[in-house]
N, C-alpha and C. Protein backbone atom coordinates (compact mmCIF):
# COMPACT_ATOMS: atom_id res chain seq x y z
N UNK A 1 41.11 -0.43 14.96
CA UNK A 1 40.64 -0.94 16.24
C UNK A 1 39.30 -1.65 16.04
N UNK A 2 39.15 -2.87 16.57
CA UNK A 2 37.89 -3.60 16.45
C UNK A 2 36.75 -2.84 17.11
N UNK A 3 35.54 -3.01 16.55
CA UNK A 3 34.35 -2.36 17.09
C UNK A 3 33.23 -3.38 17.20
N UNK A 4 32.33 -3.13 18.13
CA UNK A 4 31.13 -3.97 18.27
C UNK A 4 30.25 -3.77 17.05
N UNK A 5 29.51 -4.84 16.68
CA UNK A 5 28.58 -4.77 15.56
C UNK A 5 27.20 -5.21 16.05
N UNK A 6 26.18 -4.50 15.65
CA UNK A 6 24.80 -4.84 16.02
C UNK A 6 24.24 -5.80 14.97
N UNK A 7 23.51 -6.81 15.42
CA UNK A 7 22.95 -7.84 14.55
C UNK A 7 21.47 -7.96 14.88
N UNK A 8 20.61 -7.21 14.18
CA UNK A 8 19.16 -7.28 14.42
C UNK A 8 18.65 -8.66 14.02
N UNK A 9 17.80 -9.24 14.82
CA UNK A 9 17.40 -10.63 14.62
C UNK A 9 16.49 -10.84 13.41
N UNK A 10 15.39 -10.12 13.29
CA UNK A 10 14.42 -10.42 12.23
C UNK A 10 14.30 -9.29 11.22
N UNK A 11 15.41 -8.65 10.88
CA UNK A 11 15.43 -7.59 9.87
C UNK A 11 16.42 -7.94 8.78
N UNK A 12 16.08 -7.58 7.56
CA UNK A 12 16.99 -7.73 6.41
C UNK A 12 17.45 -9.17 6.16
N UNK A 13 16.55 -10.12 6.38
CA UNK A 13 16.89 -11.51 6.06
C UNK A 13 16.88 -11.68 4.54
N UNK A 14 17.75 -12.53 4.04
CA UNK A 14 17.84 -12.80 2.61
C UNK A 14 17.05 -14.07 2.28
N UNK A 15 16.34 -14.04 1.15
CA UNK A 15 15.54 -15.18 0.73
C UNK A 15 16.45 -16.27 0.17
N UNK A 16 16.40 -17.45 0.80
CA UNK A 16 17.15 -18.62 0.33
C UNK A 16 16.22 -19.50 -0.50
N UNK A 17 15.00 -19.72 0.00
CA UNK A 17 13.95 -20.45 -0.72
C UNK A 17 12.68 -19.63 -0.60
N UNK A 18 12.08 -19.27 -1.73
CA UNK A 18 10.89 -18.41 -1.74
C UNK A 18 9.80 -18.96 -0.82
N UNK A 19 9.26 -18.09 0.02
CA UNK A 19 8.18 -18.42 0.96
C UNK A 19 8.51 -19.57 1.90
N UNK A 20 9.82 -19.85 2.09
CA UNK A 20 10.16 -20.99 2.94
C UNK A 20 11.36 -20.81 3.84
N UNK A 21 12.43 -20.16 3.36
CA UNK A 21 13.66 -20.08 4.15
C UNK A 21 14.32 -18.73 3.91
N UNK A 22 14.60 -18.05 5.02
CA UNK A 22 15.25 -16.74 5.00
C UNK A 22 16.40 -16.76 6.00
N UNK A 23 17.49 -16.09 5.66
CA UNK A 23 18.67 -16.11 6.54
C UNK A 23 19.45 -14.80 6.43
N UNK A 24 20.30 -14.62 7.41
CA UNK A 24 21.39 -13.65 7.33
C UNK A 24 22.49 -14.15 8.25
N UNK A 25 23.70 -13.66 8.02
CA UNK A 25 24.84 -14.14 8.80
C UNK A 25 25.91 -13.06 8.86
N UNK A 26 26.78 -13.21 9.85
CA UNK A 26 27.95 -12.36 9.93
C UNK A 26 29.07 -13.15 10.59
N UNK A 27 30.29 -12.66 10.37
CA UNK A 27 31.47 -13.36 10.86
C UNK A 27 32.24 -12.50 11.84
N UNK A 28 32.76 -13.14 12.88
CA UNK A 28 33.80 -12.56 13.72
C UNK A 28 35.10 -13.22 13.31
N UNK A 29 36.14 -12.99 14.07
CA UNK A 29 37.43 -13.61 13.73
C UNK A 29 37.39 -15.12 13.87
N UNK A 30 36.65 -15.63 14.86
CA UNK A 30 36.65 -17.07 15.12
C UNK A 30 35.25 -17.68 15.21
N UNK A 31 34.22 -16.91 14.85
CA UNK A 31 32.85 -17.37 15.04
C UNK A 31 31.97 -16.83 13.91
N UNK A 32 30.93 -17.60 13.55
CA UNK A 32 29.89 -17.09 12.65
C UNK A 32 28.57 -17.13 13.40
N UNK A 33 27.70 -16.18 13.06
CA UNK A 33 26.38 -16.09 13.66
C UNK A 33 25.38 -16.03 12.51
N UNK A 34 24.33 -16.85 12.58
CA UNK A 34 23.32 -16.85 11.53
C UNK A 34 21.92 -16.89 12.14
N UNK A 35 21.02 -16.11 11.57
CA UNK A 35 19.60 -16.21 11.87
C UNK A 35 18.99 -17.05 10.76
N UNK A 36 18.24 -18.08 11.13
CA UNK A 36 17.61 -18.97 10.17
C UNK A 36 16.10 -18.95 10.45
N UNK A 37 15.33 -18.53 9.45
CA UNK A 37 13.88 -18.40 9.62
C UNK A 37 13.17 -19.25 8.57
N UNK A 38 12.43 -20.25 9.04
CA UNK A 38 11.60 -21.07 8.16
C UNK A 38 10.17 -20.57 8.25
N UNK A 39 9.53 -20.43 7.10
CA UNK A 39 8.13 -20.01 7.01
C UNK A 39 7.35 -21.20 6.48
N UNK A 40 6.26 -21.52 7.16
CA UNK A 40 5.53 -22.77 6.89
C UNK A 40 5.05 -22.89 5.45
N UNK A 41 4.75 -21.79 4.78
CA UNK A 41 4.21 -21.83 3.42
C UNK A 41 4.98 -22.82 2.55
N UNK A 42 6.28 -22.64 2.41
CA UNK A 42 7.11 -23.56 1.62
C UNK A 42 8.17 -24.23 2.48
N UNK A 43 8.28 -23.83 3.74
CA UNK A 43 9.33 -24.35 4.60
C UNK A 43 9.04 -25.68 5.25
N UNK A 44 7.78 -26.08 5.25
CA UNK A 44 7.42 -27.35 5.91
C UNK A 44 8.09 -28.54 5.24
N UNK A 45 8.21 -28.52 3.94
CA UNK A 45 8.70 -29.69 3.22
C UNK A 45 10.12 -29.55 2.69
N UNK A 46 10.89 -28.60 3.21
CA UNK A 46 12.28 -28.47 2.77
C UNK A 46 13.10 -29.64 3.32
N UNK A 47 13.75 -30.41 2.45
CA UNK A 47 14.49 -31.58 2.91
C UNK A 47 15.84 -31.21 3.52
N UNK A 48 16.06 -31.58 4.76
CA UNK A 48 17.32 -31.29 5.44
C UNK A 48 18.43 -32.19 4.91
N UNK A 49 19.64 -31.68 4.92
CA UNK A 49 20.81 -32.44 4.49
C UNK A 49 21.71 -32.67 5.71
N UNK A 50 22.06 -33.90 5.97
CA UNK A 50 22.98 -34.19 7.06
C UNK A 50 24.33 -33.55 6.74
N UNK A 51 24.91 -32.89 7.74
CA UNK A 51 26.17 -32.18 7.54
C UNK A 51 26.92 -32.08 8.86
N UNK A 52 28.15 -31.62 8.79
CA UNK A 52 28.94 -31.40 10.00
C UNK A 52 29.74 -30.12 9.82
N UNK A 53 30.17 -29.57 10.92
CA UNK A 53 31.00 -28.36 10.91
C UNK A 53 31.59 -28.21 12.29
N UNK A 54 32.08 -27.02 12.61
CA UNK A 54 32.64 -26.78 13.93
C UNK A 54 31.57 -26.86 15.01
N UNK A 55 31.95 -26.60 16.23
CA UNK A 55 31.01 -26.64 17.36
C UNK A 55 29.93 -25.59 17.16
N UNK A 56 28.67 -25.97 17.42
CA UNK A 56 27.55 -25.06 17.19
C UNK A 56 26.70 -24.94 18.45
N UNK A 57 26.29 -23.71 18.73
CA UNK A 57 25.27 -23.44 19.74
C UNK A 57 24.05 -22.95 18.97
N UNK A 58 22.91 -23.56 19.20
CA UNK A 58 21.69 -23.19 18.50
C UNK A 58 20.64 -22.81 19.53
N UNK A 59 19.99 -21.65 19.32
CA UNK A 59 18.95 -21.16 20.22
C UNK A 59 17.66 -21.03 19.43
N UNK A 60 16.60 -21.73 19.88
CA UNK A 60 15.31 -21.70 19.19
C UNK A 60 14.50 -20.51 19.69
N UNK A 61 14.21 -19.55 18.77
CA UNK A 61 13.46 -18.34 19.14
C UNK A 61 11.96 -18.53 19.05
N UNK A 62 11.48 -19.09 17.94
CA UNK A 62 10.04 -19.26 17.76
C UNK A 62 9.80 -20.63 17.12
N UNK A 63 8.60 -21.14 17.33
CA UNK A 63 8.33 -22.49 16.86
C UNK A 63 9.19 -23.48 17.62
N UNK A 64 9.46 -24.60 16.99
CA UNK A 64 10.26 -25.65 17.61
C UNK A 64 10.96 -26.42 16.50
N UNK A 65 11.87 -27.30 16.87
CA UNK A 65 12.54 -28.13 15.86
C UNK A 65 13.05 -29.39 16.53
N UNK A 66 13.44 -30.32 15.69
CA UNK A 66 14.15 -31.51 16.13
C UNK A 66 15.49 -31.52 15.44
N UNK A 67 16.54 -31.84 16.19
CA UNK A 67 17.87 -32.02 15.63
C UNK A 67 18.16 -33.51 15.71
N UNK A 68 18.54 -34.07 14.57
CA UNK A 68 18.84 -35.50 14.49
C UNK A 68 20.34 -35.70 14.35
N UNK A 69 20.88 -36.65 15.09
CA UNK A 69 22.29 -37.03 14.97
C UNK A 69 22.36 -38.22 14.04
N UNK A 70 23.07 -38.06 12.93
CA UNK A 70 23.21 -39.16 11.99
C UNK A 70 23.20 -38.70 10.56
N UNK A 71 22.94 -39.67 9.66
CA UNK A 71 23.07 -39.44 8.22
C UNK A 71 21.73 -39.32 7.51
N UNK A 72 20.64 -39.20 8.26
CA UNK A 72 19.33 -39.11 7.63
C UNK A 72 18.68 -40.47 7.42
N UNK A 73 18.94 -41.37 8.34
CA UNK A 73 18.43 -42.73 8.23
C UNK A 73 17.50 -43.04 9.40
N UNK A 74 16.66 -44.04 9.23
CA UNK A 74 15.78 -44.48 10.31
C UNK A 74 16.63 -44.82 11.53
N UNK A 75 16.17 -44.42 12.69
CA UNK A 75 16.88 -44.73 13.92
C UNK A 75 17.87 -43.66 14.36
N UNK A 76 18.05 -42.58 13.57
CA UNK A 76 18.92 -41.48 14.01
C UNK A 76 18.38 -40.90 15.31
N UNK A 77 19.28 -40.53 16.22
CA UNK A 77 18.88 -39.99 17.53
C UNK A 77 18.26 -38.60 17.36
N UNK A 78 17.09 -38.38 17.96
CA UNK A 78 16.37 -37.12 17.87
C UNK A 78 16.46 -36.35 19.18
N UNK A 79 16.81 -35.07 19.10
CA UNK A 79 16.74 -34.15 20.24
C UNK A 79 15.69 -33.10 19.91
N UNK A 80 14.67 -32.99 20.74
CA UNK A 80 13.58 -32.05 20.51
C UNK A 80 13.91 -30.72 21.17
N UNK A 81 13.80 -29.64 20.41
CA UNK A 81 13.99 -28.28 20.93
C UNK A 81 12.67 -27.53 20.88
N UNK A 82 12.29 -26.96 22.00
CA UNK A 82 11.10 -26.11 22.06
C UNK A 82 11.55 -24.64 22.05
N UNK A 83 10.60 -23.75 21.83
CA UNK A 83 10.92 -22.33 21.84
C UNK A 83 11.63 -21.97 23.14
N UNK A 84 12.76 -21.25 23.04
CA UNK A 84 13.53 -20.84 24.19
C UNK A 84 14.65 -21.82 24.57
N UNK A 85 14.68 -23.01 23.95
CA UNK A 85 15.73 -23.98 24.23
C UNK A 85 17.01 -23.63 23.48
N UNK A 86 18.13 -24.06 24.06
CA UNK A 86 19.43 -23.95 23.40
C UNK A 86 20.05 -25.33 23.36
N UNK A 87 20.87 -25.57 22.34
CA UNK A 87 21.48 -26.87 22.12
C UNK A 87 22.93 -26.66 21.70
N UNK A 88 23.84 -27.47 22.24
CA UNK A 88 25.23 -27.47 21.80
C UNK A 88 25.45 -28.71 20.94
N UNK A 89 25.97 -28.51 19.74
CA UNK A 89 26.27 -29.61 18.83
C UNK A 89 27.79 -29.72 18.74
N UNK A 90 28.37 -30.86 19.11
CA UNK A 90 29.83 -31.01 19.07
C UNK A 90 30.38 -30.89 17.65
N UNK A 91 31.59 -30.38 17.53
CA UNK A 91 32.27 -30.28 16.24
C UNK A 91 32.37 -31.66 15.60
N UNK A 92 32.13 -31.72 14.30
CA UNK A 92 32.28 -32.96 13.56
C UNK A 92 31.12 -33.92 13.63
N UNK A 93 30.07 -33.62 14.41
CA UNK A 93 28.91 -34.52 14.53
C UNK A 93 27.99 -34.34 13.33
N UNK A 94 27.74 -35.41 12.59
CA UNK A 94 26.78 -35.36 11.49
C UNK A 94 25.39 -35.14 12.07
N UNK A 95 24.68 -34.14 11.52
CA UNK A 95 23.36 -33.80 12.05
C UNK A 95 22.52 -33.11 10.98
N UNK A 96 21.22 -33.03 11.25
CA UNK A 96 20.26 -32.34 10.38
C UNK A 96 19.04 -32.04 11.22
N UNK A 97 18.10 -31.28 10.69
CA UNK A 97 16.95 -30.91 11.50
C UNK A 97 15.64 -30.95 10.75
N UNK A 98 14.56 -30.82 11.50
CA UNK A 98 13.22 -30.63 10.95
C UNK A 98 12.50 -29.64 11.86
N UNK A 99 11.57 -28.91 11.29
CA UNK A 99 10.91 -27.83 12.01
C UNK A 99 9.48 -28.17 12.41
N UNK A 100 9.03 -27.54 13.49
CA UNK A 100 7.63 -27.50 13.87
C UNK A 100 7.30 -26.03 14.01
N UNK A 101 6.19 -25.61 13.46
CA UNK A 101 5.90 -24.18 13.33
C UNK A 101 4.93 -23.69 14.40
N UNK A 102 5.17 -22.46 14.86
CA UNK A 102 4.25 -21.81 15.79
C UNK A 102 2.96 -21.49 15.03
N UNK A 103 1.89 -21.08 15.74
CA UNK A 103 0.63 -20.75 15.05
C UNK A 103 0.78 -19.71 13.94
N UNK A 104 1.73 -18.80 14.05
CA UNK A 104 1.94 -17.80 12.99
C UNK A 104 2.68 -18.38 11.79
N UNK A 105 3.07 -19.67 11.85
CA UNK A 105 3.70 -20.32 10.72
C UNK A 105 5.19 -20.09 10.59
N UNK A 106 5.88 -19.86 11.71
CA UNK A 106 7.32 -19.57 11.69
C UNK A 106 8.06 -20.51 12.63
N UNK A 107 9.27 -20.89 12.24
CA UNK A 107 10.23 -21.56 13.12
C UNK A 107 11.55 -20.82 12.89
N UNK A 108 12.10 -20.27 13.96
CA UNK A 108 13.26 -19.39 13.81
C UNK A 108 14.29 -19.68 14.88
N UNK A 109 15.58 -19.70 14.45
CA UNK A 109 16.64 -19.95 15.41
C UNK A 109 17.87 -19.12 15.09
N UNK A 110 18.73 -19.04 16.09
CA UNK A 110 20.02 -18.37 15.97
C UNK A 110 21.09 -19.43 16.13
N UNK A 111 22.00 -19.53 15.16
CA UNK A 111 23.10 -20.50 15.21
C UNK A 111 24.42 -19.76 15.35
N UNK A 112 25.24 -20.19 16.29
CA UNK A 112 26.57 -19.63 16.51
C UNK A 112 27.55 -20.78 16.37
N UNK A 113 28.50 -20.65 15.42
CA UNK A 113 29.41 -21.76 15.11
C UNK A 113 30.85 -21.28 15.19
N UNK A 114 31.70 -22.11 15.82
CA UNK A 114 33.12 -21.84 15.85
C UNK A 114 33.88 -23.11 15.47
N UNK A 115 34.86 -23.05 14.57
CA UNK A 115 35.25 -21.85 13.85
C UNK A 115 34.15 -21.41 12.89
N UNK A 116 34.29 -20.21 12.36
CA UNK A 116 33.27 -19.63 11.50
C UNK A 116 32.95 -20.54 10.31
N UNK A 117 31.67 -20.59 9.93
CA UNK A 117 31.21 -21.42 8.80
C UNK A 117 31.39 -20.63 7.51
N UNK A 118 32.51 -20.74 6.89
CA UNK A 118 32.80 -20.00 5.67
C UNK A 118 31.91 -20.42 4.51
N UNK A 119 31.31 -21.64 4.56
CA UNK A 119 30.44 -22.06 3.46
C UNK A 119 29.19 -21.19 3.34
N UNK A 120 28.87 -20.40 4.37
CA UNK A 120 27.76 -19.46 4.25
C UNK A 120 27.99 -18.49 3.10
N UNK A 121 29.25 -18.17 2.80
CA UNK A 121 29.57 -17.18 1.77
C UNK A 121 29.78 -15.82 2.39
N UNK A 122 30.08 -14.84 1.57
CA UNK A 122 30.32 -13.48 2.05
C UNK A 122 29.06 -12.92 2.71
N UNK A 123 29.24 -12.02 3.65
CA UNK A 123 28.11 -11.48 4.41
C UNK A 123 27.07 -10.79 3.55
N UNK A 124 27.44 -10.23 2.43
CA UNK A 124 26.49 -9.50 1.60
C UNK A 124 25.81 -10.38 0.55
N UNK A 125 26.00 -11.71 0.64
CA UNK A 125 25.38 -12.64 -0.31
C UNK A 125 24.29 -13.44 0.38
N UNK A 126 23.50 -14.17 -0.42
CA UNK A 126 22.50 -15.09 0.13
C UNK A 126 23.26 -16.26 0.74
N UNK A 127 23.05 -16.54 2.03
CA UNK A 127 23.81 -17.61 2.69
C UNK A 127 23.48 -18.98 2.13
N UNK A 128 24.48 -19.86 2.17
CA UNK A 128 24.27 -21.27 1.85
C UNK A 128 23.54 -21.92 3.02
N UNK A 129 22.60 -22.83 2.73
CA UNK A 129 21.96 -23.63 3.76
C UNK A 129 21.94 -25.07 3.28
N UNK A 130 22.32 -26.04 4.13
CA UNK A 130 22.42 -27.43 3.69
C UNK A 130 21.06 -28.12 3.52
N UNK A 131 20.52 -28.05 2.31
CA UNK A 131 19.29 -28.76 1.97
C UNK A 131 19.65 -30.00 1.17
N UNK A 132 18.86 -31.05 1.32
CA UNK A 132 19.19 -32.34 0.70
C UNK A 132 19.24 -32.27 -0.82
N UNK A 133 18.51 -31.35 -1.44
CA UNK A 133 18.50 -31.27 -2.90
C UNK A 133 19.55 -30.30 -3.45
N UNK A 134 20.52 -29.91 -2.62
CA UNK A 134 21.57 -29.01 -3.05
C UNK A 134 22.93 -29.64 -2.77
N UNK A 135 23.92 -29.28 -3.55
CA UNK A 135 25.28 -29.74 -3.30
C UNK A 135 25.97 -28.79 -2.34
N UNK A 136 27.26 -28.75 -2.42
CA UNK A 136 28.05 -27.85 -1.57
C UNK A 136 27.91 -26.43 -2.10
N UNK A 137 28.48 -25.46 -1.39
CA UNK A 137 28.44 -24.06 -1.82
C UNK A 137 28.89 -23.98 -3.27
N UNK A 138 28.21 -23.17 -4.05
CA UNK A 138 28.53 -23.04 -5.45
C UNK A 138 27.70 -23.96 -6.33
N UNK A 139 27.03 -24.94 -5.72
CA UNK A 139 26.17 -25.85 -6.47
C UNK A 139 24.73 -25.64 -6.04
N UNK A 140 24.39 -24.40 -5.72
CA UNK A 140 23.05 -24.10 -5.23
C UNK A 140 22.03 -24.27 -6.34
N UNK A 141 20.88 -24.83 -5.98
CA UNK A 141 19.80 -25.02 -6.98
C UNK A 141 19.00 -23.74 -7.10
């Protein structure tokens, strides 16, 4: 019988990039949920990679960010998210982001994607995150 699962927001995050990017994720049958935490120390200059996936709802918890629609070129459409904002990204839309940090040096969001983003990898592993200097899952730098 299925059971509810608790997902603490800022506990037990896995280091993706030292002093810059921390994440954790879990899967339901048709949805994935990920906490993404950027720390200004090394997170300010992490290059975003334009990517697409299923429909995504993103909620900005701390700091702020911009989501760009496009391939990472001049003129891509920018949507600004402030702390407390939520954004729906349509399935298949090429997009990427950049962060603005709160005074404590953090930008943190919760992403919910359907269908589930299997490229994150198994729940007990360090999640994949689309950075411009990395390939697809399995080609992590």
